[in-house]
Amino acid sequence: MMTTDISQFNGLHPGAVLKWILKKRGIKPIELACAIEEHKQTISAILHEKRGINAKLSVKLAELLALDPAFFMQLQASFEIKQILIAKQPTLTPNLSIIRKVLFWDTNFEQIDWQKQKTAVIKRIFERGNDQEINEVIRFYGKETVQTVLSHYNNSFLPAYNENKQAFLKNHLNAAV
């Protein structure tokens, strides 16, 4: 039985790890399904991270792949714990009742990741937003973050951006002095 350090896989879906192991060993999913007497649809769902691994399947996989029988169950538990922790994190969004959806006509408003896409959000609000929206973005991201984004983005074909940027710099930089 091969021992594998599970810590390198903590939080990953067991199907992603299984896919990696199969590729590394040159085993096709259909060959795996036949070898452990499972439906190919079951193996496919696991490899596509649509389904988890139960204890019985963990033992079958471990026997075939010469791994610890608990290997895939530990991966499953680690993955499920990570998902619970992610779900418990508060979603950080600005006050969306202030920001008009029409400003983001070219994207799905409900799927905006306000943290990862903060540069694009700040630019868009300063280009097309009203005073309330600009103030909400400043409140949400903080003056320093907004100033950093604005200092790296100088060219806009929209005159409103330049006007809003100048007003921000005048109001917030002078207030800090």
N, C-alpha and C. Protein backbone atom coordinates (compact mmCIF):
# COMPACT_ATOMS: atom_id res chain seq x y z
N MET A 1 0.85 -1.19 0.00
CA MET A 1 0.00 0.00 0.00
C MET A 1 0.89 1.24 0.00
N MET A 2 0.60 2.14 -0.90
CA MET A 2 1.37 3.38 -1.03
C MET A 2 0.81 4.42 -0.07
N THR A 3 1.69 5.07 0.66
CA THR A 3 1.24 6.15 1.53
C THR A 3 1.41 7.46 0.78
N THR A 4 0.41 8.27 0.87
CA THR A 4 0.42 9.56 0.19
C THR A 4 0.14 10.64 1.21
N ASP A 5 0.92 11.71 1.15
CA ASP A 5 0.71 12.83 2.06
C ASP A 5 -0.56 13.56 1.65
N ILE A 6 -1.58 13.40 2.45
CA ILE A 6 -2.89 13.98 2.12
C ILE A 6 -2.92 15.49 2.30
N SER A 7 -2.01 16.04 3.10
CA SER A 7 -2.06 17.48 3.39
C SER A 7 -1.92 18.34 2.14
N GLN A 8 -1.23 17.82 1.14
CA GLN A 8 -1.09 18.60 -0.11
C GLN A 8 -2.40 18.71 -0.88
N PHE A 9 -3.37 17.87 -0.53
CA PHE A 9 -4.65 17.87 -1.22
C PHE A 9 -5.80 18.43 -0.39
N ASN A 10 -5.51 18.88 0.83
CA ASN A 10 -6.56 19.36 1.73
C ASN A 10 -7.43 20.42 1.07
N GLY A 11 -8.74 20.22 1.16
CA GLY A 11 -9.69 21.18 0.62
C GLY A 11 -10.07 20.94 -0.83
N LEU A 12 -9.32 20.10 -1.53
CA LEU A 12 -9.65 19.81 -2.93
C LEU A 12 -10.76 18.77 -3.00
N HIS A 13 -11.54 18.83 -4.04
CA HIS A 13 -12.56 17.81 -4.25
C HIS A 13 -11.84 16.49 -4.53
N PRO A 14 -12.30 15.38 -3.93
CA PRO A 14 -11.63 14.10 -4.16
C PRO A 14 -11.62 13.70 -5.63
N GLY A 15 -12.59 14.16 -6.39
CA GLY A 15 -12.61 13.86 -7.82
C GLY A 15 -11.45 14.50 -8.56
N ALA A 16 -11.05 15.70 -8.14
CA ALA A 16 -9.90 16.37 -8.76
C ALA A 16 -8.62 15.59 -8.48
N VAL A 17 -8.50 15.08 -7.26
CA VAL A 17 -7.32 14.29 -6.90
C VAL A 17 -7.33 12.96 -7.64
N LEU A 18 -8.50 12.33 -7.70
CA LEU A 18 -8.62 11.07 -8.43
C LEU A 18 -8.27 11.26 -9.90
N LYS A 19 -8.72 12.33 -10.50
CA LYS A 19 -8.41 12.62 -11.90
C LYS A 19 -6.90 12.74 -12.09
N TRP A 20 -6.25 13.43 -11.16
CA TRP A 20 -4.79 13.61 -11.22
C TRP A 20 -4.08 12.26 -11.10
N ILE A 21 -4.54 11.42 -10.17
CA ILE A 21 -3.92 10.10 -9.97
C ILE A 21 -4.10 9.25 -11.22
N LEU A 22 -5.29 9.24 -11.78
CA LEU A 22 -5.56 8.45 -12.99
C LEU A 22 -4.68 8.90 -14.15
N LYS A 23 -4.56 10.20 -14.32
CA LYS A 23 -3.72 10.73 -15.40
C LYS A 23 -2.26 10.33 -15.20
N LYS A 24 -1.81 10.47 -13.96
CA LYS A 24 -0.42 10.14 -13.62
C LYS A 24 -0.12 8.65 -13.89
N ARG A 25 -1.11 7.81 -13.66
CA ARG A 25 -0.92 6.36 -13.83
C ARG A 25 -1.37 5.85 -15.20
N GLY A 26 -1.93 6.73 -16.02
CA GLY A 26 -2.36 6.33 -17.36
C GLY A 26 -3.59 5.44 -17.35
N ILE A 27 -4.47 5.64 -16.39
CA ILE A 27 -5.70 4.85 -16.28
C ILE A 27 -6.86 5.68 -16.81
N LYS A 28 -7.63 5.10 -17.71
CA LYS A 28 -8.80 5.79 -18.24
C LYS A 28 -9.98 5.60 -17.29
N PRO A 29 -10.85 6.61 -17.21
CA PRO A 29 -12.01 6.51 -16.31
C PRO A 29 -12.85 5.26 -16.53
N ILE A 30 -13.05 4.87 -17.77
CA ILE A 30 -13.87 3.68 -18.05
C ILE A 30 -13.17 2.42 -17.56
N GLU A 31 -11.83 2.41 -17.65
CA GLU A 31 -11.07 1.27 -17.11
C GLU A 31 -11.22 1.19 -15.60
N LEU A 32 -11.19 2.35 -14.95
CA LEU A 32 -11.37 2.40 -13.50
C LEU A 32 -12.75 1.87 -13.13
N ALA A 33 -13.78 2.35 -13.82
CA ALA A 33 -15.15 1.92 -13.53
C ALA A 33 -15.29 0.41 -13.64
N CYS A 34 -14.72 -0.17 -14.69
CA CYS A 34 -14.80 -1.63 -14.87
C CYS A 34 -14.03 -2.36 -13.78
N ALA A 35 -12.85 -1.85 -13.44
CA ALA A 35 -11.98 -2.52 -12.46
C ALA A 35 -12.60 -2.56 -11.07
N ILE A 36 -13.36 -1.54 -10.70
CA ILE A 36 -13.95 -1.52 -9.34
C ILE A 36 -15.45 -1.80 -9.38
N GLU A 37 -15.94 -2.17 -10.55
CA GLU A 37 -17.35 -2.53 -10.74
C GLU A 37 -18.30 -1.42 -10.30
N GLU A 38 -18.04 -0.24 -10.84
CA GLU A 38 -18.90 0.93 -10.62
C GLU A 38 -19.41 1.41 -11.97
N HIS A 39 -20.53 2.11 -11.95
CA HIS A 39 -21.05 2.68 -13.20
C HIS A 39 -20.11 3.76 -13.70
N LYS A 40 -19.92 3.81 -15.00
CA LYS A 40 -19.04 4.85 -15.56
C LYS A 40 -19.60 6.24 -15.30
N GLN A 41 -20.94 6.36 -15.19
CA GLN A 41 -21.55 7.65 -14.89
C GLN A 41 -21.17 8.12 -13.49
N THR A 42 -21.06 7.17 -12.56
CA THR A 42 -20.66 7.51 -11.19
C THR A 42 -19.24 8.06 -11.19
N ILE A 43 -18.35 7.35 -11.87
CA ILE A 43 -16.94 7.79 -11.94
C ILE A 43 -16.86 9.14 -12.64
N SER A 44 -17.61 9.32 -13.71
CA SER A 44 -17.61 10.59 -14.44
C SER A 44 -18.08 11.74 -13.55
N ALA A 45 -19.15 11.50 -12.81
CA ALA A 45 -19.68 12.55 -11.92
C ALA A 45 -18.65 12.93 -10.85
N ILE A 46 -17.93 11.95 -10.33
CA ILE A 46 -16.89 12.22 -9.33
C ILE A 46 -15.76 13.01 -9.96
N LEU A 47 -15.30 12.58 -11.12
CA LEU A 47 -14.18 13.26 -11.79
C LEU A 47 -14.54 14.68 -12.20
N HIS A 48 -15.82 14.94 -12.44
CA HIS A 48 -16.27 16.29 -12.79
C HIS A 48 -16.73 17.07 -11.56
N GLU A 49 -16.46 16.51 -10.39
CA GLU A 49 -16.74 17.16 -9.10
C GLU A 49 -18.22 17.46 -8.90
N LYS A 50 -19.07 16.58 -9.44
CA LYS A 50 -20.51 16.71 -9.28
C LYS A 50 -21.03 15.79 -8.19
N ARG A 51 -20.16 14.89 -7.74
CA ARG A 51 -20.56 13.89 -6.76
C ARG A 51 -19.39 13.61 -5.82
N GLY A 52 -19.70 13.27 -4.59
CA GLY A 52 -18.67 12.95 -3.61
C GLY A 52 -18.34 11.47 -3.60
N ILE A 53 -17.45 11.11 -2.71
CA ILE A 53 -17.02 9.72 -2.55
C ILE A 53 -17.47 9.23 -1.18
N ASN A 54 -18.12 8.04 -1.15
CA ASN A 54 -18.54 7.46 0.13
C ASN A 54 -17.48 6.46 0.61
N ALA A 55 -17.70 5.90 1.80
CA ALA A 55 -16.71 5.00 2.41
C ALA A 55 -16.49 3.75 1.57
N LYS A 56 -17.55 3.15 1.05
CA LYS A 56 -17.42 1.94 0.24
C LYS A 56 -16.57 2.19 -1.00
N LEU A 57 -16.83 3.29 -1.66
CA LEU A 57 -16.07 3.63 -2.86
C LEU A 57 -14.62 3.99 -2.51
N SER A 58 -14.42 4.63 -1.38
CA SER A 58 -13.07 4.96 -0.93
C SER A 58 -12.23 3.70 -0.78
N VAL A 59 -12.82 2.66 -0.20
CA VAL A 59 -12.10 1.39 -0.01
C VAL A 59 -11.81 0.74 -1.36
N LYS A 60 -12.79 0.73 -2.26
CA LYS A 60 -12.58 0.14 -3.60
C LYS A 60 -11.43 0.85 -4.34
N LEU A 61 -11.48 2.17 -4.32
CA LEU A 61 -10.44 2.95 -5.01
C LEU A 61 -9.07 2.70 -4.38
N ALA A 62 -9.03 2.68 -3.07
CA ALA A 62 -7.77 2.47 -2.35
C ALA A 62 -7.17 1.11 -2.68
N GLU A 63 -8.00 0.08 -2.73
CA GLU A 63 -7.49 -1.25 -3.05
C GLU A 63 -6.90 -1.29 -4.45
N LEU A 64 -7.58 -0.71 -5.41
CA LEU A 64 -7.09 -0.71 -6.79
C LEU A 64 -5.83 0.14 -6.95
N LEU A 65 -5.81 1.29 -6.29
CA LEU A 65 -4.72 2.24 -6.48
C LEU A 65 -3.61 2.10 -5.43
N ALA A 66 -3.71 1.10 -4.56
CA ALA A 66 -2.73 0.83 -3.51
C ALA A 66 -2.53 2.05 -2.61
N LEU A 67 -3.63 2.57 -2.13
CA LEU A 67 -3.62 3.72 -1.23
C LEU A 67 -4.24 3.30 0.10
N ASP A 68 -4.09 4.14 1.10
CA ASP A 68 -4.73 3.91 2.39
C ASP A 68 -6.24 3.91 2.18
N PRO A 69 -6.97 2.95 2.78
CA PRO A 69 -8.42 2.88 2.57
C PRO A 69 -9.17 4.16 2.96
N ALA A 70 -8.61 4.93 3.85
CA ALA A 70 -9.28 6.16 4.29
C ALA A 70 -8.90 7.37 3.45
N PHE A 71 -7.99 7.20 2.51
CA PHE A 71 -7.46 8.32 1.74
C PHE A 71 -8.56 9.19 1.13
N PHE A 72 -9.44 8.59 0.36
CA PHE A 72 -10.48 9.38 -0.32
C PHE A 72 -11.55 9.89 0.64
N MET A 73 -11.80 9.15 1.72
CA MET A 73 -12.76 9.64 2.73
C MET A 73 -12.19 10.87 3.43
N GLN A 74 -10.89 10.86 3.70
CA GLN A 74 -10.26 12.03 4.32
C GLN A 74 -10.32 13.23 3.38
N LEU A 75 -10.09 12.97 2.09
CA LEU A 75 -10.22 14.05 1.11
C LEU A 75 -11.65 14.60 1.09
N GLN A 76 -12.63 13.68 1.11
CA GLN A 76 -14.04 14.10 1.08
C GLN A 76 -14.37 14.95 2.30
N ALA A 77 -13.91 14.49 3.47
CA ALA A 77 -14.19 15.25 4.71
C ALA A 77 -13.52 16.62 4.66
N SER A 78 -12.28 16.67 4.21
CA SER A 78 -11.55 17.93 4.11
C SER A 78 -12.26 18.89 3.15
N PHE A 79 -12.72 18.36 2.02
CA PHE A 79 -13.43 19.17 1.03
C PHE A 79 -14.74 19.71 1.63
N GLU A 80 -15.50 18.86 2.30
CA GLU A 80 -16.77 19.29 2.87
C GLU A 80 -16.58 20.34 3.95
N ILE A 81 -15.54 20.19 4.76
CA ILE A 81 -15.25 21.19 5.80
C ILE A 81 -14.91 22.53 5.15
N LYS A 82 -14.11 22.49 4.10
CA LYS A 82 -13.75 23.73 3.40
C LYS A 82 -15.00 24.42 2.85
N GLN A 83 -15.92 23.63 2.30
CA GLN A 83 -17.14 24.20 1.74
C GLN A 83 -17.99 24.85 2.84
N ILE A 84 -18.04 24.25 4.00
CA ILE A 84 -18.79 24.82 5.13
C ILE A 84 -18.16 26.13 5.57
N LEU A 85 -16.83 26.14 5.65
CA LEU A 85 -16.15 27.36 6.08
C LEU A 85 -16.33 28.49 5.07
N ILE A 86 -16.31 28.15 3.79
CA ILE A 86 -16.54 29.16 2.76
C ILE A 86 -17.96 29.72 2.87
N ALA A 87 -18.92 28.84 3.10
CA ALA A 87 -20.32 29.28 3.21
C ALA A 87 -20.54 30.16 4.43
N LYS A 88 -19.75 29.96 5.48
CA LYS A 88 -19.92 30.74 6.70
C LYS A 88 -19.32 32.14 6.59
N GLN A 89 -18.41 32.33 5.63
CA GLN A 89 -17.79 33.64 5.48
C GLN A 89 -18.84 34.64 5.01
N PRO A 90 -18.83 35.81 5.62
CA PRO A 90 -19.80 36.80 5.16
C PRO A 90 -19.45 37.26 3.74
N THR A 91 -20.47 37.45 2.96
CA THR A 91 -20.22 37.97 1.62
C THR A 91 -20.08 39.47 1.74
N LEU A 92 -18.98 39.95 1.28
CA LEU A 92 -18.70 41.37 1.39
C LEU A 92 -19.13 42.07 0.11
N THR A 93 -20.17 42.84 0.25
CA THR A 93 -20.64 43.61 -0.89
C THR A 93 -20.98 45.01 -0.43
N PRO A 94 -20.89 45.95 -1.34
CA PRO A 94 -21.37 47.30 -0.98
C PRO A 94 -22.89 47.26 -0.84
N ASN A 95 -23.46 48.37 -0.43
CA ASN A 95 -24.91 48.46 -0.32
C ASN A 95 -25.48 48.48 -1.75
N LEU A 96 -25.99 47.33 -2.17
CA LEU A 96 -26.43 47.18 -3.56
C LEU A 96 -27.72 47.93 -3.86
N SER A 97 -28.40 48.42 -2.85
CA SER A 97 -29.60 49.21 -3.11
C SER A 97 -29.22 50.60 -3.61
N ILE A 98 -27.97 50.97 -3.42
CA ILE A 98 -27.50 52.29 -3.88
C ILE A 98 -26.96 52.21 -5.30
N ILE A 99 -26.37 51.08 -5.66
CA ILE A 99 -25.70 50.95 -6.97
C ILE A 99 -26.69 50.42 -8.00
N ARG A 100 -26.82 51.16 -9.08
CA ARG A 100 -27.73 50.79 -10.16
C ARG A 100 -27.14 49.64 -10.99
N LYS A 101 -27.95 48.62 -11.24
CA LYS A 101 -27.51 47.47 -12.02
C LYS A 101 -27.14 47.87 -13.45
N VAL A 102 -27.79 48.90 -13.96
CA VAL A 102 -27.56 49.31 -15.34
C VAL A 102 -26.10 49.73 -15.58
N LEU A 103 -25.40 50.12 -14.52
CA LEU A 103 -23.99 50.47 -14.68
C LEU A 103 -23.16 49.28 -15.13
N PHE A 104 -23.65 48.08 -14.83
CA PHE A 104 -22.93 46.85 -15.17
C PHE A 104 -23.75 46.05 -16.18
N TRP A 105 -24.19 46.74 -17.22
CA TRP A 105 -25.03 46.15 -18.25
C TRP A 105 -24.36 44.98 -18.96
N ASP A 106 -23.04 44.95 -18.97
CA ASP A 106 -22.31 43.95 -19.74
C ASP A 106 -21.86 42.74 -18.92
N THR A 107 -22.38 42.63 -17.71
CA THR A 107 -22.01 41.50 -16.85
C THR A 107 -23.21 41.11 -16.00
N ASN A 108 -23.14 39.93 -15.40
CA ASN A 108 -24.21 39.48 -14.52
C ASN A 108 -23.99 40.13 -13.16
N PHE A 109 -24.83 41.07 -12.83
CA PHE A 109 -24.68 41.87 -11.61
C PHE A 109 -24.61 40.99 -10.36
N GLU A 110 -25.41 39.92 -10.32
CA GLU A 110 -25.45 39.04 -9.15
C GLU A 110 -24.16 38.24 -8.98
N GLN A 111 -23.37 38.14 -10.02
CA GLN A 111 -22.15 37.32 -9.95
C GLN A 111 -20.88 38.15 -9.84
N ILE A 112 -21.00 39.43 -9.64
CA ILE A 112 -19.80 40.27 -9.49
C ILE A 112 -19.12 39.89 -8.19
N ASP A 113 -17.83 39.62 -8.27
CA ASP A 113 -17.02 39.39 -7.06
C ASP A 113 -16.45 40.75 -6.70
N TRP A 114 -17.06 41.39 -5.72
CA TRP A 114 -16.76 42.78 -5.37
C TRP A 114 -15.33 42.96 -4.87
N GLN A 115 -14.72 41.89 -4.37
CA GLN A 115 -13.34 41.99 -3.90
C GLN A 115 -12.36 41.78 -5.06
N LYS A 116 -12.53 40.70 -5.79
CA LYS A 116 -11.59 40.38 -6.87
C LYS A 116 -11.68 41.39 -8.02
N GLN A 117 -12.84 41.96 -8.23
CA GLN A 117 -13.04 42.87 -9.37
C GLN A 117 -13.13 44.32 -8.94
N LYS A 118 -12.50 44.64 -7.81
CA LYS A 118 -12.64 45.99 -7.27
C LYS A 118 -12.10 47.06 -8.21
N THR A 119 -11.02 46.78 -8.91
CA THR A 119 -10.47 47.77 -9.84
C THR A 119 -11.49 48.12 -10.92
N ALA A 120 -12.07 47.09 -11.52
CA ALA A 120 -13.07 47.33 -12.58
C ALA A 120 -14.31 48.03 -12.02
N VAL A 121 -14.72 47.64 -10.82
CA VAL A 121 -15.90 48.25 -10.20
C VAL A 121 -15.66 49.73 -9.94
N ILE A 122 -14.52 50.05 -9.35
CA ILE A 122 -14.21 51.45 -9.04
C ILE A 122 -14.14 52.28 -10.31
N LYS A 123 -13.47 51.76 -11.33
CA LYS A 123 -13.39 52.48 -12.61
C LYS A 123 -14.79 52.74 -13.17
N ARG A 124 -15.61 51.69 -13.18
CA ARG A 124 -16.95 51.81 -13.76
C ARG A 124 -17.78 52.82 -13.00
N ILE A 125 -17.74 52.79 -11.68
CA ILE A 125 -18.54 53.72 -10.88
C ILE A 125 -18.05 55.15 -11.10
N PHE A 126 -16.75 55.35 -11.19
CA PHE A 126 -16.23 56.71 -11.42
C PHE A 126 -16.51 57.18 -12.84
N GLU A 127 -16.64 56.26 -13.77
CA GLU A 127 -16.95 56.64 -15.15
C GLU A 127 -18.43 56.98 -15.33
N ARG A 128 -19.30 56.20 -14.69
CA ARG A 128 -20.72 56.28 -15.01
C ARG A 128 -21.64 56.48 -13.80
N GLY A 129 -21.08 56.45 -12.61
CA GLY A 129 -21.90 56.51 -11.41
C GLY A 129 -22.29 57.92 -11.01
N ASN A 130 -23.30 57.98 -10.16
CA ASN A 130 -23.71 59.27 -9.60
C ASN A 130 -23.00 59.48 -8.26
N ASP A 131 -23.26 60.60 -7.61
CA ASP A 131 -22.56 60.92 -6.35
C ASP A 131 -22.81 59.87 -5.27
N GLN A 132 -24.04 59.39 -5.16
CA GLN A 132 -24.35 58.36 -4.15
C GLN A 132 -23.54 57.10 -4.40
N GLU A 133 -23.48 56.68 -5.64
CA GLU A 133 -22.75 55.46 -5.98
C GLU A 133 -21.26 55.62 -5.73
N ILE A 134 -20.73 56.77 -6.08
CA ILE A 134 -19.30 57.04 -5.84
C ILE A 134 -19.03 57.03 -4.34
N ASN A 135 -19.88 57.67 -3.57
CA ASN A 135 -19.68 57.68 -2.11
C ASN A 135 -19.79 56.29 -1.51
N GLU A 136 -20.67 55.46 -2.05
CA GLU A 136 -20.80 54.08 -1.54
C GLU A 136 -19.55 53.27 -1.85
N VAL A 137 -18.99 53.45 -3.02
CA VAL A 137 -17.75 52.74 -3.39
C VAL A 137 -16.60 53.20 -2.50
N ILE A 138 -16.53 54.48 -2.23
CA ILE A 138 -15.49 55.01 -1.35
C ILE A 138 -15.67 54.44 0.06
N ARG A 139 -16.90 54.41 0.55
CA ARG A 139 -17.17 53.85 1.88
C ARG A 139 -16.79 52.37 1.93
N PHE A 140 -17.19 51.62 0.90
CA PHE A 140 -16.99 50.18 0.88
C PHE A 140 -15.51 49.79 0.76
N TYR A 141 -14.81 50.38 -0.19
CA TYR A 141 -13.41 49.99 -0.43
C TYR A 141 -12.43 50.80 0.42
N GLY A 142 -12.83 51.98 0.84
CA GLY A 142 -11.94 52.84 1.59
C GLY A 142 -11.22 53.82 0.67
N LYS A 143 -10.89 54.98 1.22
CA LYS A 143 -10.27 56.05 0.43
C LYS A 143 -8.94 55.62 -0.17
N GLU A 144 -8.14 54.88 0.61
CA GLU A 144 -6.81 54.49 0.13
C GLU A 144 -6.91 53.57 -1.09
N THR A 145 -7.81 52.60 -1.04
CA THR A 145 -7.97 51.67 -2.17
C THR A 145 -8.45 52.41 -3.40
N VAL A 146 -9.44 53.28 -3.23
CA VAL A 146 -9.98 54.04 -4.36
C VAL A 146 -8.87 54.92 -4.95
N GLN A 147 -8.11 55.58 -4.09
CA GLN A 147 -7.03 56.44 -4.57
C GLN A 147 -5.99 55.64 -5.34
N THR A 148 -5.65 54.45 -4.86
CA THR A 148 -4.67 53.60 -5.55
C THR A 148 -5.17 53.23 -6.94
N VAL A 149 -6.43 52.81 -7.02
CA VAL A 149 -7.00 52.43 -8.32
C VAL A 149 -7.02 53.64 -9.26
N LEU A 150 -7.47 54.78 -8.77
CA LEU A 150 -7.55 55.97 -9.63
C LEU A 150 -6.18 56.44 -10.09
N SER A 151 -5.18 56.26 -9.25
CA SER A 151 -3.83 56.71 -9.63
C SER A 151 -3.23 55.85 -10.73
N HIS A 152 -3.73 54.62 -10.89
CA HIS A 152 -3.21 53.72 -11.92
C HIS A 152 -4.06 53.74 -13.19
N TYR A 153 -5.14 54.47 -13.17
CA TYR A 153 -6.05 54.51 -14.31
C TYR A 153 -6.29 55.95 -14.69
N ASN A 154 -5.54 56.43 -15.65
CA ASN A 154 -5.59 57.85 -16.00
C ASN A 154 -6.39 58.15 -17.26
N ASN A 155 -6.53 57.19 -18.12
CA ASN A 155 -7.16 57.47 -19.41
C ASN A 155 -8.58 56.93 -19.45
N SER A 156 -9.51 57.81 -19.68
CA SER A 156 -10.89 57.42 -19.90
C SER A 156 -11.46 58.33 -20.97
N PHE A 157 -12.21 57.74 -21.86
CA PHE A 157 -12.83 58.54 -22.91
C PHE A 157 -14.07 59.27 -22.39
N LEU A 158 -14.48 58.95 -21.18
CA LEU A 158 -15.66 59.60 -20.61
C LEU A 158 -15.25 60.79 -19.74
N PRO A 159 -15.71 61.98 -20.08
CA PRO A 159 -15.35 63.17 -19.29
C PRO A 159 -15.78 63.06 -17.83
N ALA A 160 -16.88 62.36 -17.56
CA ALA A 160 -17.36 62.23 -16.19
C ALA A 160 -16.32 61.57 -15.29
N TYR A 161 -15.57 60.62 -15.84
CA TYR A 161 -14.54 59.95 -15.04
C TYR A 161 -13.51 60.95 -14.52
N ASN A 162 -13.01 61.75 -15.43
CA ASN A 162 -11.98 62.73 -15.05
C ASN A 162 -12.53 63.74 -14.05
N GLU A 163 -13.78 64.17 -14.25
CA GLU A 163 -14.40 65.11 -13.31
C GLU A 163 -14.57 64.47 -11.92
N ASN A 164 -15.06 63.23 -11.90
CA ASN A 164 -15.26 62.53 -10.63
C ASN A 164 -13.93 62.23 -9.93
N LYS A 165 -12.93 61.89 -10.71
CA LYS A 165 -11.61 61.63 -10.15
C LYS A 165 -11.05 62.91 -9.51
N GLN A 166 -11.14 64.02 -10.23
CA GLN A 166 -10.64 65.29 -9.70
C GLN A 166 -11.39 65.71 -8.43
N ALA A 167 -12.70 65.52 -8.42
CA ALA A 167 -13.50 65.86 -7.24
C ALA A 167 -13.10 64.97 -6.06
N PHE A 168 -12.87 63.69 -6.31
CA PHE A 168 -12.45 62.79 -5.24
C PHE A 168 -11.10 63.23 -4.69
N LEU A 169 -10.16 63.47 -5.58
CA LEU A 169 -8.82 63.86 -5.13
C LEU A 169 -8.88 65.17 -4.35
N LYS A 170 -9.67 66.13 -4.84
CA LYS A 170 -9.78 67.41 -4.16
C LYS A 170 -10.43 67.26 -2.78
N ASN A 171 -11.54 66.54 -2.71
CA ASN A 171 -12.27 66.40 -1.45
C ASN A 171 -11.58 65.51 -0.44
N HIS A 172 -10.98 64.44 -0.89
CA HIS A 172 -10.44 63.45 0.06
C HIS A 172 -8.97 63.65 0.37
N LEU A 173 -8.23 64.17 -0.57
CA LEU A 173 -6.82 64.41 -0.28
C LEU A 173 -6.64 65.68 0.52
N ASN A 174 -7.44 66.71 0.22
CA ASN A 174 -7.36 67.95 0.98
C ASN A 174 -7.84 67.74 2.42
N ALA A 175 -8.84 66.87 2.59
CA ALA A 175 -9.35 66.61 3.93
C ALA A 175 -8.34 65.87 4.78
N ALA A 176 -7.45 65.09 4.12
CA ALA A 176 -6.47 64.31 4.86
C ALA A 176 -5.28 65.16 5.29
N VAL A 177 -5.08 66.33 4.65
CA VAL A 177 -3.92 67.16 4.93
C VAL A 177 -4.11 67.97 6.18
